PDB file of all heavy atoms in Angstrom:
ATOM      1  N   HIS A   1       0.833  -1.214   0.000  1.00  0.00           N
ATOM      2  CA  HIS A   1       0.000   0.000   0.000  1.00  0.00           C
ATOM      3  C   HIS A   1       0.866   1.262   0.000  1.00  0.00           C
ATOM      4  O   HIS A   1       0.575   2.229  -0.719  1.00  0.00           O
ATOM      5  CB  HIS A   1      -0.923  -0.004   1.226  1.00  0.00           C
ATOM      6  CG  HIS A   1      -1.889  -1.147   1.241  1.00  0.00           C
ATOM      7  ND1 HIS A   1      -2.557  -1.553   2.368  1.00  0.00           N
ATOM      8  CD2 HIS A   1      -2.286  -2.003   0.252  1.00  0.00           C
ATOM      9  CE1 HIS A   1      -3.329  -2.593   2.087  1.00  0.00           C
ATOM     10  NE2 HIS A   1      -3.176  -2.877   0.811  1.00  0.00           N
ATOM     11  N   LYS A   2       1.929   1.235   0.771  1.00  0.00           N
ATOM     12  CA  LYS A   2       2.842   2.391   0.818  1.00  0.00           C
ATOM     13  C   LYS A   2       3.554   2.576  -0.524  1.00  0.00           C
ATOM     14  O   LYS A   2       3.707   3.698  -1.018  1.00  0.00           O
ATOM     15  CB  LYS A   2       3.871   2.195   1.933  1.00  0.00           C
ATOM     16  CG  LYS A   2       3.308   2.394   3.335  1.00  0.00           C
ATOM     17  CD  LYS A   2       4.396   2.237   4.386  1.00  0.00           C
ATOM     18  CE  LYS A   2       3.811   2.395   5.783  1.00  0.00           C
ATOM     19  NZ  LYS A   2       4.839   2.163   6.840  1.00  0.00           N
ATOM     20  N   ALA A   3       3.982   1.465  -1.112  1.00  0.00           N
ATOM     21  CA  ALA A   3       4.688   1.528  -2.398  1.00  0.00           C
ATOM     22  C   ALA A   3       3.774   2.029  -3.510  1.00  0.00           C
ATOM     23  O   ALA A   3       4.198   2.800  -4.384  1.00  0.00           O
ATOM     24  CB  ALA A   3       5.248   0.147  -2.750  1.00  0.00           C
ATOM     25  N   ILE A   4       2.513   1.631  -3.469  1.00  0.00           N
ATOM     26  CA  ILE A   4       1.542   2.080  -4.484  1.00  0.00           C
ATOM     27  C   ILE A   4       1.341   3.580  -4.374  1.00  0.00           C
ATOM     28  O   ILE A   4       1.301   4.302  -5.383  1.00  0.00           O
ATOM     29  CB  ILE A   4       0.204   1.327  -4.319  1.00  0.00           C
ATOM     30  CG1 ILE A   4       0.339  -0.110  -4.817  1.00  0.00           C
ATOM     31  CG2 ILE A   4      -0.919   2.034  -5.074  1.00  0.00           C
ATOM     32  CD1 ILE A   4      -0.818  -1.013  -4.445  1.00  0.00           C
ATOM     33  N   ARG A   5       1.210   4.079  -3.157  1.00  0.00           N
ATOM     34  CA  ARG A   5       1.023   5.528  -2.962  1.00  0.00           C
ATOM     35  C   ARG A   5       2.272   6.311  -3.376  1.00  0.00           C
ATOM     36  O   ARG A   5       2.174   7.434  -3.864  1.00  0.00           O
ATOM     37  CB  ARG A   5       0.682   5.823  -1.502  1.00  0.00           C
ATOM     38  CG  ARG A   5      -0.740   5.401  -1.126  1.00  0.00           C
ATOM     39  CD  ARG A   5      -1.082   5.724   0.319  1.00  0.00           C
ATOM     40  NE  ARG A   5      -2.470   5.391   0.605  1.00  0.00           N
ATOM     41  CZ  ARG A   5      -3.500   6.188   0.349  1.00  0.00           C
ATOM     42  NH1 ARG A   5      -3.303   7.369  -0.190  1.00  0.00           N
ATOM     43  NH2 ARG A   5      -4.734   5.822   0.637  1.00  0.00           N
ATOM     44  N   ALA A   6       3.441   5.703  -3.202  1.00  0.00           N
ATOM     45  CA  ALA A   6       4.688   6.390  -3.561  1.00  0.00           C
ATOM     46  C   ALA A   6       4.872   6.497  -5.071  1.00  0.00           C
ATOM     47  O   ALA A   6       5.338   7.527  -5.575  1.00  0.00           O
ATOM     48  CB  ALA A   6       5.870   5.653  -2.939  1.00  0.00           C
ATOM     49  N   ASP A   7       4.502   5.440  -5.801  1.00  0.00           N
ATOM     50  CA  ASP A   7       4.702   5.445  -7.259  1.00  0.00           C
ATOM     51  C   ASP A   7       3.608   4.621  -7.949  1.00  0.00           C
ATOM     52  O   ASP A   7       3.799   3.434  -8.229  1.00  0.00           O
ATOM     53  CB  ASP A   7       6.084   4.883  -7.600  1.00  0.00           C
ATOM     54  CG  ASP A   7       6.344   4.869  -9.102  1.00  0.00           C
ATOM     55  OD1 ASP A   7       5.665   5.633  -9.831  1.00  0.00           O
ATOM     56  OD2 ASP A   7       7.215   4.095  -9.551  1.00  0.00           O
ATOM     57  N   PRO A   8       2.456   5.256  -8.244  1.00  0.00           N
ATOM     58  CA  PRO A   8       1.378   4.502  -8.892  1.00  0.00           C
ATOM     59  C   PRO A   8       1.471   4.441 -10.418  1.00  0.00           C
ATOM     60  O   PRO A   8       0.654   3.789 -11.059  1.00  0.00           O
ATOM     61  CB  PRO A   8       0.126   5.286  -8.476  1.00  0.00           C
ATOM     62  CG  PRO A   8       0.605   6.693  -8.351  1.00  0.00           C
ATOM     63  CD  PRO A   8       2.034   6.618  -7.888  1.00  0.00           C
ATOM     64  N   ALA A   9       2.441   5.128 -10.990  1.00  0.00           N
ATOM     65  CA  ALA A   9       2.509   5.231 -12.453  1.00  0.00           C
ATOM     66  C   ALA A   9       2.714   3.860 -13.098  1.00  0.00           C
ATOM     67  O   ALA A   9       3.417   2.997 -12.572  1.00  0.00           O
ATOM     68  CB  ALA A   9       3.646   6.166 -12.858  1.00  0.00           C
ATOM     69  N   ALA A  10       2.095   3.685 -14.264  1.00  0.00           N
ATOM     70  CA  ALA A  10       2.226   2.425 -15.003  1.00  0.00           C
ATOM     71  C   ALA A  10       3.573   2.378 -15.706  1.00  0.00           C
ATOM     72  O   ALA A  10       4.052   3.396 -16.216  1.00  0.00           O
ATOM     73  CB  ALA A  10       1.097   2.300 -16.024  1.00  0.00           C
ATOM     74  N   LYS A  11       4.178   1.212 -15.724  1.00  0.00           N
ATOM     75  CA  LYS A  11       5.451   1.023 -16.419  1.00  0.00           C
ATOM     76  C   LYS A  11       5.231   0.050 -17.564  1.00  0.00           C
ATOM     77  O   LYS A  11       4.912  -1.127 -17.341  1.00  0.00           O
ATOM     78  CB  LYS A  11       6.518   0.485 -15.457  1.00  0.00           C
ATOM     79  CG  LYS A  11       6.970   1.531 -14.441  1.00  0.00           C
ATOM     80  CD  LYS A  11       8.158   1.053 -13.666  1.00  0.00           C
ATOM     81  CE  LYS A  11       8.627   2.131 -12.680  1.00  0.00           C
ATOM     82  NZ  LYS A  11       9.754   1.648 -11.853  1.00  0.00           N
ATOM     83  N   PRO A  12       5.364   0.520 -18.800  1.00  0.00           N
ATOM     84  CA  PRO A  12       5.126  -0.376 -19.941  1.00  0.00           C
ATOM     85  C   PRO A  12       6.154  -1.498 -19.989  1.00  0.00           C
ATOM     86  O   PRO A  12       7.328  -1.299 -19.663  1.00  0.00           O
ATOM     87  CB  PRO A  12       5.251   0.554 -21.159  1.00  0.00           C
ATOM     88  CG  PRO A  12       6.064   1.714 -20.678  1.00  0.00           C
ATOM     89  CD  PRO A  12       5.765   1.874 -19.217  1.00  0.00           C
ATOM     90  N   THR A  13       5.698  -2.658 -20.368  1.00  0.00           N
ATOM     91  CA  THR A  13       6.605  -3.800 -20.494  1.00  0.00           C
ATOM     92  C   THR A  13       7.453  -3.648 -21.751  1.00  0.00           C
ATOM     93  O   THR A  13       7.026  -3.028 -22.726  1.00  0.00           O
ATOM     94  CB  THR A  13       5.813  -5.121 -20.582  1.00  0.00           C
ATOM     95  OG1 THR A  13       4.878  -5.012 -21.661  1.00  0.00           O
ATOM     96  CG2 THR A  13       5.066  -5.386 -19.294  1.00  0.00           C
ATOM     97  N   GLU A  14       8.617  -4.211 -21.713  1.00  0.00           N
ATOM     98  CA  GLU A  14       9.517  -4.140 -22.865  1.00  0.00           C
ATOM     99  C   GLU A  14       9.032  -5.116 -23.933  1.00  0.00           C
ATOM    100  O   GLU A  14       8.902  -6.312 -23.691  1.00  0.00           O
ATOM    101  CB  GLU A  14      10.939  -4.486 -22.445  1.00  0.00           C
ATOM    102  CG  GLU A  14      11.566  -3.447 -21.514  1.00  0.00           C
ATOM    103  CD  GLU A  14      12.995  -3.808 -21.145  1.00  0.00           C
ATOM    104  OE1 GLU A  14      13.504  -4.809 -21.698  1.00  0.00           O
ATOM    105  OE2 GLU A  14      13.586  -3.106 -20.320  1.00  0.00           O
ATOM    106  N   LYS A  15       8.768  -4.577 -25.104  1.00  0.00           N
ATOM    107  CA  LYS A  15       8.276  -5.412 -26.203  1.00  0.00           C
ATOM    108  C   LYS A  15       9.450  -5.935 -27.026  1.00  0.00           C
ATOM    109  O   LYS A  15      10.426  -5.208 -27.270  1.00  0.00           O
ATOM    110  CB  LYS A  15       7.345  -4.599 -27.121  1.00  0.00           C
ATOM    111  CG  LYS A  15       6.209  -3.894 -26.408  1.00  0.00           C
ATOM    112  CD  LYS A  15       5.201  -4.886 -25.889  1.00  0.00           C
ATOM    113  CE  LYS A  15       4.043  -4.139 -25.243  1.00  0.00           C
ATOM    114  NZ  LYS A  15       3.075  -5.062 -24.627  1.00  0.00           N
ATOM    115  N   LYS A  16       9.339  -7.175 -27.435  1.00  0.00           N
ATOM    116  CA  LYS A  16      10.367  -7.752 -28.298  1.00  0.00           C
ATOM    117  C   LYS A  16      10.184  -7.249 -29.727  1.00  0.00           C
ATOM    118  O   LYS A  16       9.065  -7.046 -30.181  1.00  0.00           O
ATOM    119  CB  LYS A  16      10.265  -9.271 -28.298  1.00  0.00           C
ATOM    120  CG  LYS A  16      10.768  -9.928 -27.029  1.00  0.00           C
ATOM    121  CD  LYS A  16      10.733 -11.439 -27.176  1.00  0.00           C
ATOM    122  CE  LYS A  16      11.281 -12.121 -25.951  1.00  0.00           C
ATOM    123  NZ  LYS A  16      11.245 -13.597 -26.100  1.00  0.00           N
ATOM    124  N   THR A  17      11.279  -7.025 -30.392  1.00  0.00           N
ATOM    125  CA  THR A  17      11.222  -6.654 -31.799  1.00  0.00           C
ATOM    126  C   THR A  17      11.007  -7.912 -32.638  1.00  0.00           C
ATOM    127  O   THR A  17      11.180  -9.041 -32.156  1.00  0.00           O
ATOM    128  CB  THR A  17      12.519  -5.949 -32.234  1.00  0.00           C
ATOM    129  OG1 THR A  17      13.617  -6.842 -32.041  1.00  0.00           O
ATOM    130  CG2 THR A  17      12.737  -4.675 -31.432  1.00  0.00           C
ATOM    131  N   ALA A  18      10.629  -7.714 -33.882  1.00  0.00           N
ATOM    132  CA  ALA A  18      10.362  -8.845 -34.776  1.00  0.00           C
ATOM    133  C   ALA A  18      11.602  -9.704 -34.961  1.00  0.00           C
ATOM    134  O   ALA A  18      11.517 -10.930 -35.115  1.00  0.00           O
ATOM    135  CB  ALA A  18       9.870  -8.327 -36.123  1.00  0.00           C
ATOM    136  N   ALA A  19      12.778  -9.073 -34.913  1.00  0.00           N
ATOM    137  CA  ALA A  19      14.024  -9.812 -35.127  1.00  0.00           C
ATOM    138  C   ALA A  19      14.337 -10.735 -33.945  1.00  0.00           C
ATOM    139  O   ALA A  19      15.026 -11.749 -34.092  1.00  0.00           O
ATOM    140  CB  ALA A  19      15.182  -8.844 -35.333  1.00  0.00           C
ATOM    141  N   GLU A  20      13.825 -10.377 -32.740  1.00  0.00           N
ATOM    142  CA  GLU A  20      14.137 -11.162 -31.538  1.00  0.00           C
ATOM    143  C   GLU A  20      13.296 -12.437 -31.426  1.00  0.00           C
ATOM    144  O   GLU A  20      13.636 -13.341 -30.683  1.00  0.00           O
ATOM    145  CB  GLU A  20      13.929 -10.307 -30.285  1.00  0.00           C
ATOM    146  CG  GLU A  20      14.969  -9.209 -30.135  1.00  0.00           C
ATOM    147  CD  GLU A  20      14.681  -8.306 -28.952  1.00  0.00           C
ATOM    148  OE1 GLU A  20      13.498  -8.032 -28.666  1.00  0.00           O
ATOM    149  OE2 GLU A  20      15.655  -7.881 -28.311  1.00  0.00           O
ATOM    150  N   TYR A  21      12.193 -12.483 -32.128  1.00  0.00           N
ATOM    151  CA  TYR A  21      11.350 -13.674 -32.088  1.00  0.00           C
ATOM    152  C   TYR A  21      11.965 -14.783 -32.931  1.00  0.00           C
ATOM    153  O   TYR A  21      12.410 -14.551 -34.058  1.00  0.00           O
ATOM    154  CB  TYR A  21       9.940 -13.365 -32.615  1.00  0.00           C
ATOM    155  CG  TYR A  21       9.086 -12.655 -31.618  1.00  0.00           C
ATOM    156  CD1 TYR A  21       8.886 -11.276 -31.703  1.00  0.00           C
ATOM    157  CD2 TYR A  21       8.467 -13.344 -30.579  1.00  0.00           C
ATOM    158  CE1 TYR A  21       8.089 -10.606 -30.781  1.00  0.00           C
ATOM    159  CE2 TYR A  21       7.667 -12.693 -29.663  1.00  0.00           C
ATOM    160  CZ  TYR A  21       7.477 -11.329 -29.766  1.00  0.00           C
ATOM    161  OH  TYR A  21       6.692 -10.674 -28.846  1.00  0.00           O
ATOM    162  N   THR A  22      12.023 -15.974 -32.382  1.00  0.00           N
ATOM    163  CA  THR A  22      12.575 -17.115 -33.116  1.00  0.00           C
ATOM    164  C   THR A  22      11.418 -17.972 -33.623  1.00  0.00           C
ATOM    165  O   THR A  22      10.558 -18.403 -32.842  1.00  0.00           O
ATOM    166  CB  THR A  22      13.479 -17.967 -32.205  1.00  0.00           C
ATOM    167  OG1 THR A  22      12.745 -18.338 -31.036  1.00  0.00           O
ATOM    168  CG2 THR A  22      14.725 -17.196 -31.815  1.00  0.00           C
ATOM    169  N   ARG A  23      11.399 -18.208 -34.913  1.00  0.00           N
ATOM    170  CA  ARG A  23      10.351 -19.034 -35.505  1.00  0.00           C
ATOM    171  C   ARG A  23      10.777 -20.493 -35.453  1.00  0.00           C
ATOM    172  O   ARG A  23      11.886 -20.851 -35.877  1.00  0.00           O
ATOM    173  CB  ARG A  23      10.093 -18.602 -36.948  1.00  0.00           C
ATOM    174  CG  ARG A  23       9.628 -17.160 -37.054  1.00  0.00           C
ATOM    175  CD  ARG A  23       9.221 -16.821 -38.462  1.00  0.00           C
ATOM    176  NE  ARG A  23       7.974 -17.474 -38.818  1.00  0.00           N
ATOM    177  CZ  ARG A  23       7.381 -17.321 -39.999  1.00  0.00           C
ATOM    178  NH1 ARG A  23       7.931 -16.551 -40.924  1.00  0.00           N
ATOM    179  NH2 ARG A  23       6.262 -17.931 -40.271  1.00  0.00           N
ATOM    180  N   ARG A  24       9.886 -21.313 -34.924  1.00  0.00           N
ATOM    181  CA  ARG A  24      10.222 -22.722 -34.751  1.00  0.00           C
ATOM    182  C   ARG A  24       9.456 -23.597 -35.747  1.00  0.00           C
ATOM    183  O   ARG A  24       8.897 -24.621 -35.394  1.00  0.00           O
ATOM    184  CB  ARG A  24       9.907 -23.155 -33.319  1.00  0.00           C
ATOM    185  CG  ARG A  24      10.733 -22.417 -32.284  1.00  0.00           C
ATOM    186  CD  ARG A  24      10.443 -22.887 -30.885  1.00  0.00           C
ATOM    187  NE  ARG A  24      11.248 -22.186 -29.904  1.00  0.00           N
ATOM    188  CZ  ARG A  24      11.182 -22.391 -28.596  1.00  0.00           C
ATOM    189  NH1 ARG A  24      10.333 -23.276 -28.119  1.00  0.00           N
ATOM    190  NH2 ARG A  24      11.954 -21.703 -27.767  1.00  0.00           N
ATOM    191  N   ARG A  25       9.407 -23.138 -36.956  1.00  0.00           N
ATOM    192  CA  ARG A  25       8.720 -23.917 -37.984  1.00  0.00           C
ATOM    193  C   ARG A  25       9.622 -25.073 -38.430  1.00  0.00           C
ATOM    194  O   ARG A  25      10.790 -24.865 -38.758  1.00  0.00           O
ATOM    195  CB  ARG A  25       8.381 -23.026 -39.174  1.00  0.00           C
ATOM    196  CG  ARG A  25       7.604 -23.755 -40.270  1.00  0.00           C
ATOM    197  CD  ARG A  25       7.320 -22.843 -41.439  1.00  0.00           C
ATOM    198  NE  ARG A  25       6.381 -21.799 -41.082  1.00  0.00           N
ATOM    199  CZ  ARG A  25       6.020 -20.810 -41.896  1.00  0.00           C
ATOM    200  NH1 ARG A  25       6.558 -20.741 -43.112  1.00  0.00           N
ATOM    201  NH2 ARG A  25       5.151 -19.896 -41.509  1.00  0.00           N
ATOM    202  N   GLN A  26       9.043 -26.267 -38.445  1.00  0.00           N
ATOM    203  CA  GLN A  26       9.827 -27.437 -38.837  1.00  0.00           C
ATOM    204  C   GLN A  26      10.069 -27.443 -40.342  1.00  0.00           C
ATOM    205  O   GLN A  26       9.200 -27.054 -41.129  1.00  0.00           O
ATOM    206  CB  GLN A  26       9.086 -28.713 -38.448  1.00  0.00           C
ATOM    207  CG  GLN A  26       9.054 -28.940 -36.936  1.00  0.00           C
ATOM    208  CD  GLN A  26       8.369 -30.245 -36.590  1.00  0.00           C
ATOM    209  OE1 GLN A  26       7.635 -30.794 -37.401  1.00  0.00           O
ATOM    210  NE2 GLN A  26       8.618 -30.736 -35.385  1.00  0.00           N
ATOM    211  N   THR A  27      11.254 -27.927 -40.710  1.00  0.00           N
ATOM    212  CA  THR A  27      11.577 -28.045 -42.129  1.00  0.00           C
ATOM    213  C   THR A  27      10.792 -29.210 -42.727  1.00  0.00           C
ATOM    214  O   THR A  27      10.847 -30.332 -42.190  1.00  0.00           O
ATOM    215  CB  THR A  27      13.086 -28.290 -42.317  1.00  0.00           C
ATOM    216  OG1 THR A  27      13.804 -27.285 -41.615  1.00  0.00           O
ATOM    217  CG2 THR A  27      13.464 -28.264 -43.786  1.00  0.00           C
ATOM    218  N   PRO A  28      10.026 -28.988 -43.781  1.00  0.00           N
ATOM    219  CA  PRO A  28       9.225 -30.087 -44.352  1.00  0.00           C
ATOM    220  C   PRO A  28      10.119 -31.182 -44.930  1.00  0.00           C
ATOM    221  O   PRO A  28      11.200 -30.911 -45.476  1.00  0.00           O
ATOM    222  CB  PRO A  28       8.407 -29.392 -45.451  1.00  0.00           C
ATOM    223  CG  PRO A  28       9.142 -28.142 -45.766  1.00  0.00           C
ATOM    224  CD  PRO A  28       9.828 -27.723 -44.508  1.00  0.00           C
ATOM    225  N   LEU A  29       9.655 -32.420 -44.780  1.00  0.00           N
ATOM    226  CA  LEU A  29      10.418 -33.564 -45.292  1.00  0.00           C
ATOM    227  C   LEU A  29      10.175 -33.720 -46.794  1.00  0.00           C
ATOM    228  O   LEU A  29       9.065 -33.454 -47.282  1.00  0.00           O
ATOM    229  CB  LEU A  29       9.980 -34.840 -44.586  1.00  0.00           C
ATOM    230  CG  LEU A  29      10.109 -34.858 -43.056  1.00  0.00           C
ATOM    231  CD1 LEU A  29       9.545 -36.158 -42.501  1.00  0.00           C
ATOM    232  CD2 LEU A  29      11.544 -34.663 -42.619  1.00  0.00           C
ATOM    233  N   ASN A  30      11.223 -34.177 -47.497  1.00  0.00           N
ATOM    234  CA  ASN A  30      11.036 -34.466 -48.915  1.00  0.00           C
ATOM    235  C   ASN A  30      10.469 -35.871 -49.085  1.00  0.00           C
ATOM    236  O   ASN A  30      10.263 -36.598 -48.108  1.00  0.00           O
ATOM    237  CB  ASN A  30      12.343 -34.279 -49.698  1.00  0.00           C
ATOM    238  CG  ASN A  30      13.461 -35.158 -49.157  1.00  0.00           C
ATOM    239  OD1 ASN A  30      13.213 -36.264 -48.685  1.00  0.00           O
ATOM    240  ND2 ASN A  30      14.693 -34.655 -49.233  1.00  0.00           N
ATOM    241  N   ALA A  31      10.198 -36.292 -50.328  1.00  0.00           N
ATOM    242  CA  ALA A  31       9.543 -37.581 -50.596  1.00  0.00           C
ATOM    243  C   ALA A  31      10.371 -38.748 -50.068  1.00  0.00           C
ATOM    244  O   ALA A  31       9.838 -39.694 -49.472  1.00  0.00           O
ATOM    245  CB  ALA A  31       9.285 -37.721 -52.095  1.00  0.00           C
ATOM    246  N   LYS A  32      11.686 -38.699 -50.269  1.00  0.00           N
ATOM    247  CA  LYS A  32      12.567 -39.788 -49.829  1.00  0.00           C
ATOM    248  C   LYS A  32      12.552 -39.936 -48.309  1.00  0.00           C
ATOM    249  O   LYS A  32      12.472 -41.043 -47.767  1.00  0.00           O
ATOM    250  CB  LYS A  32      13.983 -39.507 -50.325  1.00  0.00           C
ATOM    251  CG  LYS A  32      14.961 -40.638 -50.039  1.00  0.00           C
ATOM    252  CD  LYS A  32      16.342 -40.299 -50.580  1.00  0.00           C
ATOM    253  CE  LYS A  32      17.326 -41.415 -50.264  1.00  0.00           C
ATOM    254  NZ  LYS A  32      18.685 -41.092 -50.750  1.00  0.00           N
ATOM    255  N   GLN A  33      12.580 -38.788 -47.611  1.00  0.00           N
ATOM    256  CA  GLN A  33      12.573 -38.805 -46.144  1.00  0.00           C
ATOM    257  C   GLN A  33      11.238 -39.321 -45.604  1.00  0.00           C
ATOM    258  O   GLN A  33      11.201 -40.043 -44.608  1.00  0.00           O
ATOM    259  CB  GLN A  33      12.849 -37.392 -45.607  1.00  0.00           C
ATOM    260  CG  GLN A  33      14.288 -36.928 -45.827  1.00  0.00           C
ATOM    261  CD  GLN A  33      14.461 -35.455 -45.490  1.00  0.00           C
ATOM    262  OE1 GLN A  33      13.541 -34.645 -45.672  1.00  0.00           O
ATOM    263  NE2 GLN A  33      15.659 -35.089 -45.040  1.00  0.00           N
ATOM    264  N   ARG A  34      10.126 -38.939 -46.272  1.00  0.00           N
ATOM    265  CA  ARG A  34       8.819 -39.411 -45.836  1.00  0.00           C
ATOM    266  C   ARG A  34       8.695 -40.926 -45.967  1.00  0.00           C
ATOM    267  O   ARG A  34       8.195 -41.609 -45.075  1.00  0.00           O
ATOM    268  CB  ARG A  34       7.709 -38.716 -46.635  1.00  0.00           C
ATOM    269  CG  ARG A  34       7.501 -37.260 -46.253  1.00  0.00           C
ATOM    270  CD  ARG A  34       6.139 -36.766 -46.728  1.00  0.00           C
ATOM    271  NE  ARG A  34       5.973 -36.894 -48.172  1.00  0.00           N
ATOM    272  CZ  ARG A  34       6.338 -35.974 -49.059  1.00  0.00           C
ATOM    273  NH1 ARG A  34       6.935 -34.845 -48.651  1.00  0.00           N
ATOM    274  NH2 ARG A  34       6.116 -36.149 -50.347  1.00  0.00           N
ATOM    275  N   LYS A  35       9.174 -41.448 -47.111  1.00  0.00           N
ATOM    276  CA  LYS A  35       9.115 -42.897 -47.333  1.00  0.00           C
ATOM    277  C   LYS A  35       9.989 -43.652 -46.339  1.00  0.00           C
ATOM    278  O   LYS A  35       9.621 -44.707 -45.820  1.00  0.00           O
ATOM    279  CB  LYS A  35       9.557 -43.216 -48.769  1.00  0.00           C
ATOM    280  CG  LYS A  35       8.530 -42.821 -49.825  1.00  0.00           C
ATOM    281  CD  LYS A  35       9.050 -43.062 -51.226  1.00  0.00           C
ATOM    282  CE  LYS A  35       8.029 -42.588 -52.266  1.00  0.00           C
ATOM    283  NZ  LYS A  35       8.542 -42.725 -53.651  1.00  0.00           N
ATOM    284  N   ASP A  36      11.144 -43.077 -46.039  1.00  0.00           N
ATOM    285  CA  ASP A  36      12.054 -43.701 -45.074  1.00  0.00           C
ATOM    286  C   ASP A  36      11.422 -43.702 -43.676  1.00  0.00           C
ATOM    287  O   ASP A  36      11.573 -44.671 -42.917  1.00  0.00           O
ATOM    288  CB  ASP A  36      13.381 -42.940 -45.066  1.00  0.00           C
ATOM    289  CG  ASP A  36      14.412 -43.629 -44.187  1.00  0.00           C
ATOM    290  OD1 ASP A  36      14.683 -44.820 -44.410  1.00  0.00           O
ATOM    291  OD2 ASP A  36      14.914 -42.957 -43.256  1.00  0.00           O
ATOM    292  N   ARG A  37      10.707 -42.619 -43.343  1.00  0.00           N
ATOM    293  CA  ARG A  37      10.035 -42.517 -42.042  1.00  0.00           C
ATOM    294  C   ARG A  37       8.941 -43.579 -41.916  1.00  0.00           C
ATOM    295  O   ARG A  37       8.791 -44.228 -40.870  1.00  0.00           O
ATOM    296  CB  ARG A  37       9.429 -41.110 -41.901  1.00  0.00           C
ATOM    297  CG  ARG A  37       8.881 -40.797 -40.531  1.00  0.00           C
ATOM    298  CD  ARG A  37       8.771 -39.289 -40.390  1.00  0.00           C
ATOM    299  NE  ARG A  37       8.023 -38.967 -39.178  1.00  0.00           N
ATOM    300  CZ  ARG A  37       6.738 -38.622 -39.143  1.00  0.00           C
ATOM    301  NH1 ARG A  37       6.055 -38.555 -40.271  1.00  0.00           N
ATOM    302  NH2 ARG A  37       6.140 -38.326 -38.017  1.00  0.00           N
ATOM    303  N   VAL A  38       8.193 -43.793 -42.999  1.00  0.00           N
ATOM    304  CA  VAL A  38       7.152 -44.827 -43.007  1.00  0.00           C
ATOM    305  C   VAL A  38       7.770 -46.208 -42.847  1.00  0.00           C
ATOM    306  O   VAL A  38       7.272 -47.056 -42.092  1.00  0.00           O
ATOM    307  CB  VAL A  38       6.315 -44.741 -44.310  1.00  0.00           C
ATOM    308  CG1 VAL A  38       5.381 -45.945 -44.428  1.00  0.00           C
ATOM    309  CG2 VAL A  38       5.536 -43.446 -44.357  1.00  0.00           C
ATOM    310  N   ARG A  39       8.891 -46.440 -43.561  1.00  0.00           N
ATOM    311  CA  ARG A  39       9.578 -47.739 -43.480  1.00  0.00           C
ATOM    312  C   ARG A  39      10.053 -48.026 -42.055  1.00  0.00           C
ATOM    313  O   ARG A  39       9.878 -49.135 -41.541  1.00  0.00           O
ATOM    314  CB  ARG A  39      10.773 -47.747 -44.455  1.00  0.00           C
ATOM    315  CG  ARG A  39      11.546 -49.061 -44.515  1.00  0.00           C
ATOM    316  CD  ARG A  39      12.784 -48.936 -45.370  1.00  0.00           C
ATOM    317  NE  ARG A  39      13.667 -47.868 -44.923  1.00  0.00           N
ATOM    318  CZ  ARG A  39      14.473 -47.959 -43.861  1.00  0.00           C
ATOM    319  NH1 ARG A  39      14.503 -49.073 -43.140  1.00  0.00           N
ATOM    320  NH2 ARG A  39      15.247 -46.955 -43.518  1.00  0.00           N
ATOM    321  N   GLN A  40      10.601 -46.983 -41.396  1.00  0.00           N
ATOM    322  CA  GLN A  40      11.079 -47.149 -40.023  1.00  0.00           C
ATOM    323  C   GLN A  40       9.920 -47.478 -39.075  1.00  0.00           C
ATOM    324  O   GLN A  40      10.045 -48.312 -38.162  1.00  0.00           O
ATOM    325  CB  GLN A  40      11.778 -45.872 -39.552  1.00  0.00           C
ATOM    326  CG  GLN A  40      13.135 -45.660 -40.195  1.00  0.00           C
ATOM    327  CD  GLN A  40      13.746 -44.329 -39.780  1.00  0.00           C
ATOM    328  OE1 GLN A  40      13.245 -43.664 -38.885  1.00  0.00           O
ATOM    329  NE2 GLN A  40      14.827 -43.957 -40.439  1.00  0.00           N
TER     330      GLN A  40
END
């Protein structure tokens, strides 16, 4: 309660830039890899 009265101002969160986001999209398998996966 004391801390709120001392500083009630909102502090915006730090937003990540587009470059900082890591995309975890899997690399699609080719025909040979798909057939090998089925065989296994």
